[in-house]
Amino acid sequence: SDILTQVEKMLQEGATFIDVGAYSSRPKAAHISEKEELQRMLPIIELLVKKFPKITISIDTFRSAVAKKSIEHGAALINDISGG
């Protein structure tokens, strides 16, 4: 419910898209597997698309498989800090 509340507030304040990430890119962040990144990411995408059908979701990932699955589940943009 915290996620839904925050996203609703952001949309009401004029956000044009919501950027979702499941793997921190900060220095010394813990490594997570591709599988874990997907397990974290896909339920959030599905939740947001269900609650806000017109939402535009951006996915913050550097993994092509995560990007592909995210698009298949309703994301529209990929934010790849590695440059693709």
N, C-alpha and C. Protein backbone atom coordinates (compact mmCIF):
# COMPACT_ATOMS: atom_id res chain seq x y z
N SER A 1 0.83 -1.20 0.00
CA SER A 1 0.00 0.00 0.00
C SER A 1 0.86 1.26 0.00
N ASP A 2 2.07 1.18 0.59
CA ASP A 2 2.96 2.35 0.58
C ASP A 2 3.35 2.74 -0.85
N ILE A 3 3.61 1.73 -1.67
CA ILE A 3 3.97 1.99 -3.06
C ILE A 3 2.82 2.66 -3.79
N LEU A 4 1.62 2.13 -3.62
CA LEU A 4 0.46 2.70 -4.30
C LEU A 4 0.20 4.13 -3.85
N THR A 5 0.34 4.39 -2.57
CA THR A 5 0.13 5.74 -2.05
C THR A 5 1.14 6.71 -2.63
N GLN A 6 2.40 6.30 -2.66
CA GLN A 6 3.45 7.18 -3.19
C GLN A 6 3.28 7.43 -4.68
N VAL A 7 2.98 6.40 -5.44
CA VAL A 7 2.80 6.55 -6.88
C VAL A 7 1.58 7.42 -7.17
N GLU A 8 0.49 7.21 -6.46
CA GLU A 8 -0.70 8.04 -6.66
C GLU A 8 -0.38 9.51 -6.40
N LYS A 9 0.36 9.78 -5.35
CA LYS A 9 0.76 11.16 -5.02
C LYS A 9 1.62 11.74 -6.15
N MET A 10 2.57 10.97 -6.63
CA MET A 10 3.44 11.45 -7.70
C MET A 10 2.65 11.75 -8.97
N LEU A 11 1.72 10.89 -9.31
CA LEU A 11 0.90 11.10 -10.50
C LEU A 11 0.01 12.33 -10.34
N GLN A 12 -0.57 12.51 -9.16
CA GLN A 12 -1.42 13.67 -8.91
C GLN A 12 -0.62 14.97 -8.97
N GLU A 13 0.67 14.88 -8.63
CA GLU A 13 1.53 16.06 -8.66
C GLU A 13 2.12 16.32 -10.05
N GLY A 14 1.74 15.47 -11.02
CA GLY A 14 2.12 15.73 -12.40
C GLY A 14 3.22 14.86 -12.99
N ALA A 15 3.62 13.82 -12.30
CA ALA A 15 4.64 12.93 -12.88
C ALA A 15 4.14 12.37 -14.20
N THR A 16 5.00 12.37 -15.20
CA THR A 16 4.61 11.84 -16.51
C THR A 16 4.96 10.36 -16.64
N PHE A 17 5.90 9.89 -15.82
CA PHE A 17 6.21 8.47 -15.77
C PHE A 17 6.77 8.14 -14.40
N ILE A 18 6.74 6.87 -14.06
CA ILE A 18 7.27 6.38 -12.78
C ILE A 18 8.43 5.44 -13.09
N ASP A 19 9.59 5.73 -12.51
CA ASP A 19 10.79 4.92 -12.71
C ASP A 19 10.88 3.89 -11.59
N VAL A 20 10.95 2.62 -11.97
CA VAL A 20 10.98 1.53 -11.01
C VAL A 20 12.30 0.78 -11.15
N GLY A 21 12.96 0.56 -10.03
CA GLY A 21 14.22 -0.19 -10.05
C GLY A 21 14.26 -1.18 -8.91
N ALA A 22 14.97 -2.29 -9.12
CA ALA A 22 15.05 -3.33 -8.09
C ALA A 22 16.50 -3.68 -7.75
N TYR A 23 17.45 -3.00 -8.40
CA TYR A 23 18.86 -3.30 -8.18
C TYR A 23 19.57 -1.95 -8.03
N SER A 24 20.09 -1.67 -6.88
CA SER A 24 20.74 -0.39 -6.63
C SER A 24 22.05 -0.27 -7.40
N SER A 25 22.28 0.90 -7.98
CA SER A 25 23.53 1.17 -8.70
C SER A 25 24.50 2.00 -7.86
N ARG A 26 24.16 2.23 -6.61
CA ARG A 26 25.05 3.01 -5.76
C ARG A 26 26.33 2.22 -5.48
N PRO A 27 27.43 2.91 -5.25
CA PRO A 27 28.68 2.21 -4.95
C PRO A 27 28.53 1.27 -3.75
N LYS A 28 29.11 0.10 -3.86
CA LYS A 28 29.13 -0.92 -2.81
C LYS A 28 27.76 -1.51 -2.49
N ALA A 29 26.79 -1.32 -3.38
CA ALA A 29 25.47 -1.93 -3.18
C ALA A 29 25.61 -3.44 -3.31
N ALA A 30 24.76 -4.14 -2.59
CA ALA A 30 24.78 -5.61 -2.64
C ALA A 30 24.38 -6.10 -4.03
N HIS A 31 25.08 -7.13 -4.51
CA HIS A 31 24.75 -7.75 -5.79
C HIS A 31 23.50 -8.61 -5.61
N ILE A 32 22.60 -8.55 -6.59
CA ILE A 32 21.47 -9.48 -6.61
C ILE A 32 21.45 -10.16 -7.97
N SER A 33 20.92 -11.34 -8.00
CA SER A 33 20.85 -12.10 -9.25
C SER A 33 19.77 -11.51 -10.16
N GLU A 34 19.86 -11.90 -11.42
CA GLU A 34 18.83 -11.51 -12.38
C GLU A 34 17.46 -12.04 -11.94
N LYS A 35 17.44 -13.28 -11.45
CA LYS A 35 16.20 -13.89 -10.98
C LYS A 35 15.58 -13.06 -9.84
N GLU A 36 16.41 -12.65 -8.89
CA GLU A 36 15.90 -11.86 -7.77
C GLU A 36 15.42 -10.49 -8.23
N GLU A 37 16.14 -9.89 -9.17
CA GLU A 37 15.71 -8.59 -9.70
C GLU A 37 14.32 -8.72 -10.34
N LEU A 38 14.11 -9.78 -11.10
CA LEU A 38 12.80 -10.01 -11.71
C LEU A 38 11.73 -10.28 -10.66
N GLN A 39 12.06 -11.04 -9.63
CA GLN A 39 11.10 -11.34 -8.56
C GLN A 39 10.69 -10.08 -7.82
N ARG A 40 11.58 -9.12 -7.73
CA ARG A 40 11.26 -7.85 -7.08
C ARG A 40 10.48 -6.93 -8.01
N MET A 41 10.87 -6.91 -9.28
CA MET A 41 10.36 -5.94 -10.23
C MET A 41 8.98 -6.27 -10.79
N LEU A 42 8.79 -7.48 -11.26
CA LEU A 42 7.56 -7.81 -11.99
C LEU A 42 6.28 -7.65 -11.18
N PRO A 43 6.25 -8.04 -9.90
CA PRO A 43 5.01 -7.81 -9.15
C PRO A 43 4.68 -6.33 -8.98
N ILE A 44 5.69 -5.49 -8.90
CA ILE A 44 5.44 -4.05 -8.77
C ILE A 44 4.87 -3.49 -10.07
N ILE A 45 5.46 -3.90 -11.19
CA ILE A 45 4.93 -3.46 -12.49
C ILE A 45 3.47 -3.87 -12.62
N GLU A 46 3.19 -5.14 -12.35
CA GLU A 46 1.81 -5.64 -12.46
C GLU A 46 0.86 -4.89 -11.53
N LEU A 47 1.28 -4.61 -10.32
CA LEU A 47 0.46 -3.87 -9.36
C LEU A 47 0.16 -2.48 -9.88
N LEU A 48 1.17 -1.78 -10.38
CA LEU A 48 0.98 -0.41 -10.85
C LEU A 48 0.10 -0.35 -12.09
N VAL A 49 0.30 -1.28 -13.01
CA VAL A 49 -0.53 -1.31 -14.23
C VAL A 49 -1.99 -1.61 -13.88
N LYS A 50 -2.19 -2.51 -12.91
CA LYS A 50 -3.56 -2.85 -12.50
C LYS A 50 -4.25 -1.65 -11.84
N LYS A 51 -3.55 -0.97 -10.96
CA LYS A 51 -4.13 0.15 -10.20
C LYS A 51 -4.25 1.42 -11.05
N PHE A 52 -3.26 1.65 -11.92
CA PHE A 52 -3.22 2.86 -12.74
C PHE A 52 -3.06 2.46 -14.20
N PRO A 53 -4.13 2.05 -14.87
CA PRO A 53 -4.04 1.49 -16.23
C PRO A 53 -3.36 2.39 -17.27
N LYS A 54 -3.37 3.69 -17.07
CA LYS A 54 -2.78 4.61 -18.04
C LYS A 54 -1.35 5.03 -17.67
N ILE A 55 -0.79 4.41 -16.65
CA ILE A 55 0.54 4.78 -16.17
C ILE A 55 1.62 4.45 -17.20
N THR A 56 2.64 5.30 -17.25
CA THR A 56 3.83 5.02 -18.04
C THR A 56 4.93 4.65 -17.05
N ILE A 57 5.46 3.44 -17.20
CA ILE A 57 6.47 2.93 -16.27
C ILE A 57 7.81 2.86 -16.98
N SER A 58 8.82 3.39 -16.31
CA SER A 58 10.20 3.29 -16.75
C SER A 58 10.90 2.27 -15.85
N ILE A 59 11.73 1.43 -16.44
CA ILE A 59 12.44 0.41 -15.68
C ILE A 59 13.91 0.76 -15.62
N ASP A 60 14.46 0.81 -14.41
CA ASP A 60 15.86 1.11 -14.18
C ASP A 60 16.61 -0.21 -14.05
N THR A 61 17.24 -0.63 -15.14
CA THR A 61 18.00 -1.89 -15.13
C THR A 61 19.08 -1.83 -16.20
N PHE A 62 20.12 -2.62 -16.03
CA PHE A 62 21.15 -2.75 -17.05
C PHE A 62 21.12 -4.14 -17.68
N ARG A 63 20.18 -4.96 -17.26
CA ARG A 63 20.08 -6.33 -17.75
C ARG A 63 19.02 -6.43 -18.85
N SER A 64 19.43 -6.96 -20.00
CA SER A 64 18.50 -7.03 -21.13
C SER A 64 17.32 -7.95 -20.86
N ALA A 65 17.53 -9.05 -20.16
CA ALA A 65 16.42 -9.98 -19.87
C ALA A 65 15.40 -9.33 -18.95
N VAL A 66 15.87 -8.54 -17.99
CA VAL A 66 14.96 -7.83 -17.08
C VAL A 66 14.19 -6.77 -17.87
N ALA A 67 14.87 -6.08 -18.75
CA ALA A 67 14.20 -5.07 -19.58
C ALA A 67 13.11 -5.72 -20.43
N LYS A 68 13.44 -6.83 -21.08
CA LYS A 68 12.47 -7.53 -21.95
C LYS A 68 11.25 -7.99 -21.17
N LYS A 69 11.47 -8.66 -20.05
CA LYS A 69 10.35 -9.15 -19.24
C LYS A 69 9.50 -8.00 -18.72
N SER A 70 10.16 -6.90 -18.33
CA SER A 70 9.44 -5.74 -17.81
C SER A 70 8.53 -5.13 -18.86
N ILE A 71 9.03 -5.02 -20.09
CA ILE A 71 8.20 -4.51 -21.19
C ILE A 71 7.02 -5.45 -21.43
N GLU A 72 7.27 -6.75 -21.38
CA GLU A 72 6.19 -7.73 -21.56
C GLU A 72 5.12 -7.62 -20.47
N HIS A 73 5.49 -7.10 -19.30
CA HIS A 73 4.54 -6.98 -18.19
C HIS A 73 3.94 -5.58 -18.06
N GLY A 74 4.26 -4.68 -18.98
CA GLY A 74 3.58 -3.38 -18.98
C GLY A 74 4.45 -2.15 -18.89
N ALA A 75 5.76 -2.30 -18.73
CA ALA A 75 6.64 -1.13 -18.72
C ALA A 75 6.73 -0.56 -20.13
N ALA A 76 7.07 0.73 -20.22
CA ALA A 76 7.14 1.38 -21.52
C ALA A 76 8.52 1.91 -21.87
N LEU A 77 9.35 2.16 -20.86
CA LEU A 77 10.66 2.76 -21.07
C LEU A 77 11.73 1.97 -20.32
N ILE A 78 12.97 2.03 -20.82
CA ILE A 78 14.09 1.41 -20.12
C ILE A 78 15.10 2.50 -19.80
N ASN A 79 15.49 2.59 -18.55
CA ASN A 79 16.49 3.52 -18.05
C ASN A 79 17.73 2.69 -17.74
N ASP A 80 18.67 2.64 -18.68
CA ASP A 80 19.84 1.77 -18.56
C ASP A 80 21.08 2.61 -18.34
N ILE A 81 21.60 2.65 -17.12
CA ILE A 81 22.77 3.49 -16.82
C ILE A 81 24.05 2.96 -17.47
N SER A 82 24.01 1.72 -17.96
CA SER A 82 25.21 1.16 -18.60
C SER A 82 25.29 1.58 -20.07
N GLY A 83 24.24 2.14 -20.59
CA GLY A 83 24.25 2.58 -21.97
C GLY A 83 23.83 1.50 -22.95
N GLY A 84 23.26 0.42 -22.45
CA GLY A 84 22.67 -0.57 -23.32
C GLY A 84 23.52 -1.75 -23.62
